[in-house]
Protein backbone atom coordinates (compact mmCIF):
# COMPACT_ATOMS: atom_id res chain seq x y z
CA MET A 1 15.55 4.72 48.03
CA ASP A 2 16.37 1.07 48.59
CA PHE A 3 14.77 -1.78 46.64
CA GLU A 4 11.73 -2.20 48.90
CA GLU A 5 11.04 1.53 48.96
CA GLN A 6 11.21 1.72 45.16
CA LEU A 7 8.78 -1.19 44.80
CA ALA A 8 6.31 0.48 47.17
CA ALA A 9 6.66 3.86 45.48
CA GLY A 10 6.18 2.36 42.01
CA GLN A 11 2.98 0.63 43.08
CA ALA A 12 1.55 3.84 44.57
CA VAL A 13 1.75 5.96 41.39
CA PRO A 14 -1.62 6.34 39.54
CA VAL A 15 -1.45 4.91 36.01
CA ASP A 16 -4.78 6.00 34.49
CA GLY A 17 -4.64 8.04 31.29
CA TRP A 18 -1.81 8.41 28.83
CA ASP A 19 0.20 11.20 30.45
CA PHE A 20 3.87 10.26 30.90
CA SER A 21 5.01 13.46 32.63
CA TRP A 22 5.60 11.54 35.89
CA PHE A 23 8.64 9.85 34.33
CA ALA A 24 10.66 13.08 34.22
CA GLY A 25 13.76 12.42 36.31
CA HIS A 26 13.03 8.67 36.42
CA ALA A 27 13.31 7.64 32.77
CA THR A 28 13.86 9.13 29.30
CA GLU A 29 12.69 8.17 25.81
CA GLU A 30 13.81 9.63 22.50
CA ARG A 31 11.08 11.08 20.30
CA PRO A 32 10.70 10.04 16.63
CA SER A 33 12.17 12.48 14.15
CA TRP A 34 8.89 13.06 12.30
CA GLY A 35 7.23 14.87 15.24
CA TYR A 36 3.78 13.32 15.39
CA SER A 37 2.21 16.09 17.47
CA GLY A 38 3.26 18.73 14.96
CA LEU A 39 2.00 16.67 12.03
CA LEU A 40 -1.29 16.16 13.86
CA ALA A 41 -1.75 19.85 14.68
CA ALA A 42 -1.05 20.82 11.05
CA ALA A 43 -3.52 18.23 9.74
CA LEU A 44 -6.21 19.32 12.20
CA GLY A 45 -5.85 22.91 11.08
CA SER A 46 -7.12 22.06 7.60
CA ALA A 47 -9.65 19.34 8.51
CA ALA A 48 -13.42 19.74 8.45
CA ALA A 49 -14.11 16.64 10.56
CA SER A 50 -11.57 14.66 12.58
CA LEU A 51 -11.64 11.35 14.44
CA ASP A 52 -9.02 10.03 16.88
CA ILE A 53 -9.23 6.24 17.32
CA GLU A 54 -8.11 4.79 20.68
CA THR A 55 -7.44 8.28 22.05
CA GLY A 56 -6.33 7.10 25.50
CA GLY A 57 -6.96 10.02 27.83
CA GLY A 58 -7.10 12.41 24.86
CA GLU A 59 -3.89 14.09 26.04
CA VAL A 60 -2.09 14.23 22.68
CA TYR A 61 -5.25 14.91 20.66
CA SER A 62 -6.33 17.79 22.91
CA ARG A 63 -2.87 19.40 22.85
CA ALA A 64 -2.78 19.18 19.05
CA LEU A 65 -6.27 20.67 18.79
CA ARG A 66 -5.18 23.63 20.92
CA ALA A 67 -2.10 24.08 18.75
CA ALA A 68 -4.00 23.90 15.44
CA GLU A 69 -4.62 27.07 13.44
CA ARG A 70 -8.34 26.35 13.53
CA LEU A 71 -10.56 23.63 14.97
CA PRO A 72 -12.41 21.18 12.73
CA ASP A 73 -16.16 21.69 12.58
CA ARG A 74 -16.63 18.16 13.92
CA ILE A 75 -14.27 16.57 16.46
CA ALA A 76 -14.70 12.98 17.62
CA ALA A 77 -12.71 10.31 19.43
CA THR A 78 -13.07 6.72 20.59
CA GLU A 79 -11.68 4.92 23.64
CA SER A 80 -12.28 1.45 25.05
CA TRP A 81 -10.94 1.55 28.62
CA PRO A 82 -13.40 3.22 31.06
CA PRO A 83 -10.77 4.98 33.25
CA ASN A 84 -9.22 6.53 30.13
CA LEU A 85 -12.67 7.33 28.74
CA ALA A 86 -13.46 9.60 31.69
CA ILE A 87 -10.12 11.41 31.33
CA ALA A 88 -10.59 11.78 27.56
CA ARG A 89 -13.98 13.39 28.05
CA ARG A 90 -12.54 15.86 30.55
CA ASN A 91 -9.77 16.77 28.11
CA LEU A 92 -11.76 16.85 24.87
CA GLU A 93 -15.35 17.88 25.58
CA PRO A 94 -14.34 21.50 26.43
CA LEU A 95 -12.97 21.67 22.86
CA GLY A 96 -16.31 20.60 21.42
CA ALA A 97 -15.41 16.95 20.91
CA THR A 98 -17.58 13.90 21.43
CA VAL A 99 -15.90 10.80 22.88
CA ALA A 100 -17.51 7.42 22.21
CA HIS A 101 -16.96 4.27 24.26
CA VAL A 102 -15.93 1.73 21.59
CA ASP A 103 -14.12 -1.57 22.00
CA ASP A 104 -10.88 -1.64 20.05
CA ALA A 105 -12.08 -4.41 17.71
CA ALA A 106 -15.68 -3.16 17.35
CA PRO A 107 -17.11 -1.32 14.32
CA LEU A 108 -16.84 2.44 14.53
CA PRO A 109 -20.23 4.08 15.31
CA PHE A 110 -19.98 6.65 12.52
CA ASP A 111 -21.42 6.98 9.02
CA ALA A 112 -19.38 6.12 5.94
CA GLY A 113 -17.34 9.06 4.70
CA ALA A 114 -17.95 11.07 7.88
CA PHE A 115 -14.37 12.30 8.39
CA ASP A 116 -11.72 13.84 6.18
CA LEU A 117 -9.07 13.15 8.88
CA VAL A 118 -8.72 9.96 10.92
CA VAL A 119 -5.79 9.66 13.32
CA SER A 120 -4.52 7.20 15.89
CA ARG A 121 -1.46 7.31 18.13
CA LEU A 122 -0.14 3.97 19.36
CA PRO A 123 -3.31 1.96 18.66
CA GLU A 124 -3.52 -1.58 20.00
CA ILE A 125 -5.56 -2.56 16.93
CA THR A 126 -5.63 -0.72 13.59
CA PRO A 127 -9.12 -1.36 12.13
CA TRP A 128 -8.17 -0.81 8.50
CA ALA A 129 -11.55 -1.62 6.95
CA GLU A 130 -13.38 0.70 9.36
CA ILE A 131 -10.84 3.49 8.82
CA SER A 132 -11.36 3.27 5.07
CA ARG A 133 -15.14 3.21 5.51
CA VAL A 134 -15.39 6.35 7.68
CA LEU A 135 -12.86 8.33 5.61
CA ALA A 136 -14.31 10.68 3.03
CA PRO A 137 -12.88 10.49 -0.51
CA GLY A 138 -9.61 12.40 -0.45
CA GLY A 139 -9.41 12.04 3.34
CA THR A 140 -6.20 11.29 5.25
CA PHE A 141 -5.23 8.65 7.81
CA LEU A 142 -2.30 9.63 10.07
CA SER A 143 -0.97 7.21 12.67
CA GLN A 144 2.06 6.64 14.88
CA GLN A 145 2.34 2.96 15.71
CA VAL A 146 4.12 0.75 18.22
CA VAL A 147 6.38 -1.65 16.34
CA HIS A 148 6.55 -5.30 17.42
CA GLY A 149 9.62 -5.75 19.60
CA THR A 150 9.42 -2.33 21.21
CA ASN A 151 11.19 -2.49 24.58
CA ARG A 152 12.26 -6.02 23.78
CA GLU A 153 15.34 -5.54 25.94
CA LEU A 154 13.11 -4.86 28.95
CA TYR A 155 10.51 -7.56 28.44
CA GLU A 156 13.12 -10.22 27.68
CA PHE A 157 15.02 -9.22 30.84
CA MET A 158 11.78 -9.86 32.72
CA MET A 159 10.38 -12.88 30.85
CA GLY A 160 13.27 -14.42 28.94
CA PRO A 161 13.53 -14.80 25.11
CA GLN A 162 10.29 -14.18 23.21
CA PRO A 163 9.19 -14.87 19.59
CA ILE A 164 10.27 -12.27 17.03
CA ASP A 165 8.08 -10.89 14.23
CA THR A 166 10.34 -10.87 11.17
CA VAL A 167 7.99 -8.81 8.95
CA PRO A 168 9.15 -5.15 8.92
CA ALA A 169 6.57 -2.79 10.39
CA ALA A 170 6.65 -0.52 7.35
CA GLU A 171 5.82 -3.46 5.09
CA ARG A 172 2.97 -4.62 7.33
CA LEU A 173 1.48 -1.10 7.59
CA ARG A 174 1.71 -0.55 3.85
CA ALA A 175 -0.06 -3.84 3.20
CA GLY A 176 -2.80 -3.05 5.73
CA ALA A 177 -3.54 0.30 4.10
CA GLU A 178 -3.36 -0.90 0.51
CA ASP A 179 -5.54 -3.94 1.21
CA VAL A 180 -8.48 -1.59 1.96
CA GLY A 181 -7.80 0.70 -0.98
CA LEU A 182 -5.81 3.47 0.70
CA GLU A 183 -2.88 5.12 -1.05
CA VAL A 184 0.23 5.24 1.14
CA LEU A 185 1.87 8.67 1.07
CA ASP A 186 4.56 8.05 3.69
CA VAL A 187 5.72 5.21 5.93
CA GLN A 188 8.74 5.32 8.25
CA GLN A 189 10.20 3.31 11.12
CA GLU A 190 12.73 4.24 13.83
CA SER A 191 14.36 2.71 16.91
CA LEU A 192 14.70 5.09 19.86
CA ARG A 193 16.71 4.99 23.07
CA VAL A 194 14.81 4.36 26.32
CA GLU A 195 16.67 4.66 29.64
CA PHE A 196 15.31 3.74 33.08
CA PHE A 197 17.18 5.22 36.07
CA ASP A 198 15.39 3.34 38.87
CA VAL A 199 13.23 0.29 39.49
CA GLU A 200 10.36 2.57 40.58
CA SER A 201 10.04 3.83 37.00
CA VAL A 202 10.08 0.28 35.61
CA VAL A 203 7.25 -0.74 37.96
CA VAL A 204 5.18 2.28 36.92
CA PHE A 205 5.91 1.68 33.22
CA LEU A 206 4.95 -2.00 33.33
CA ARG A 207 1.75 -1.18 35.25
CA LYS A 208 0.86 1.51 32.72
CA VAL A 209 1.98 -0.03 29.40
CA ILE A 210 0.41 -3.37 30.22
CA TRP A 211 1.19 -5.17 26.95
CA THR A 212 4.95 -4.97 27.60
CA VAL A 213 4.81 -7.77 30.20
CA PRO A 214 1.15 -8.88 30.00
CA ASP A 215 1.04 -10.79 33.28
CA PHE A 216 3.12 -8.29 35.24
CA SER A 217 2.77 -7.89 38.97
CA VAL A 218 5.40 -6.91 41.52
CA GLU A 219 4.81 -10.15 43.38
CA LYS A 220 5.23 -12.39 40.33
CA TYR A 221 8.32 -10.60 39.00
CA ARG A 222 9.95 -9.69 42.28
CA ASP A 223 13.13 -11.69 41.58
CA ARG A 224 13.60 -10.09 38.15
CA LEU A 225 12.93 -6.63 39.56
CA GLU A 226 15.61 -7.24 42.18
CA ALA A 227 18.02 -8.30 39.42
CA LEU A 228 17.10 -5.11 37.55
CA TYR A 229 17.75 -3.07 40.71
CA ASP A 230 21.24 -4.62 40.90
CA HIS A 231 21.82 -3.92 37.18
CA ILE A 232 20.92 -0.24 37.59
CA ALA A 233 23.10 0.02 40.70
CA GLU A 234 26.05 -1.34 38.70
CA HIS A 235 25.50 0.42 35.37
CA GLY A 236 23.60 3.58 36.36
CA SER A 237 20.55 2.78 34.23
CA PHE A 238 18.81 0.12 32.16
CA LEU A 239 18.77 0.68 28.39
CA SER A 240 16.02 -0.44 26.05
CA GLN A 241 14.77 0.44 22.56
CA SER A 242 11.37 1.92 21.71
CA ARG A 243 10.40 1.05 18.13
CA ARG A 244 7.93 3.34 16.37
CA ALA A 245 6.46 3.67 12.89
CA LEU A 246 4.57 6.43 11.07
CA ILE A 247 2.06 5.97 8.28
CA VAL A 248 0.24 8.61 6.26
CA ALA A 249 -2.34 7.37 3.76
CA ARG A 250 -5.21 8.86 1.79
CA LYS A 251 -8.48 7.56 0.43
CA PRO A 252 -8.67 8.11 -3.34
């Protein structure tokens, strides 16, 4: 497809939910070595009550629940964005889960000590005090996080140089957990290769992962998208880096 056709195609793809299967053949992203989905399924298999914060469309949580050796007696999730909320309920309610509509920065609508497992994959906000409050003594918090600067190569291509957070993600996550009395069992950080093979995939990605270029629209960034189209034509792809971190903590 030529440039105009790729722009039109990228704008036509639905971007609700947190399913990235559309990108097959358009873009690739390395997975972190720790295997979050496997860690989550293993933790769910021994949990009595689990909560997934900012579940998106519940895609990862539901797959892990199906892969677990047994289901927790209580399964809950929260999501703030209404289109994702509807998808999450379709994915999770058949497994016995309840999905609450909760703003990312709002208090969690659950009793203190209600869960022995709290998880969150790629949260926009990590509500440390609320996580500690709803965790039962001895309970575990498991989270895979987006590290500041993820896809910096892409967003700086689009927007120009941006401020850099010099505090390592592992240090910031450890401090967040320890400040609310959690004991950090593991914290890791990795940079992973992301490769876009066409402008269509970049348009879909920036429409879906809206914090990458917060004011993105095809109209506003048309010139930069055309420059990206030329770059891919010359080099075969556009390379970026996805930065991820893992934290596992427990409540004493």
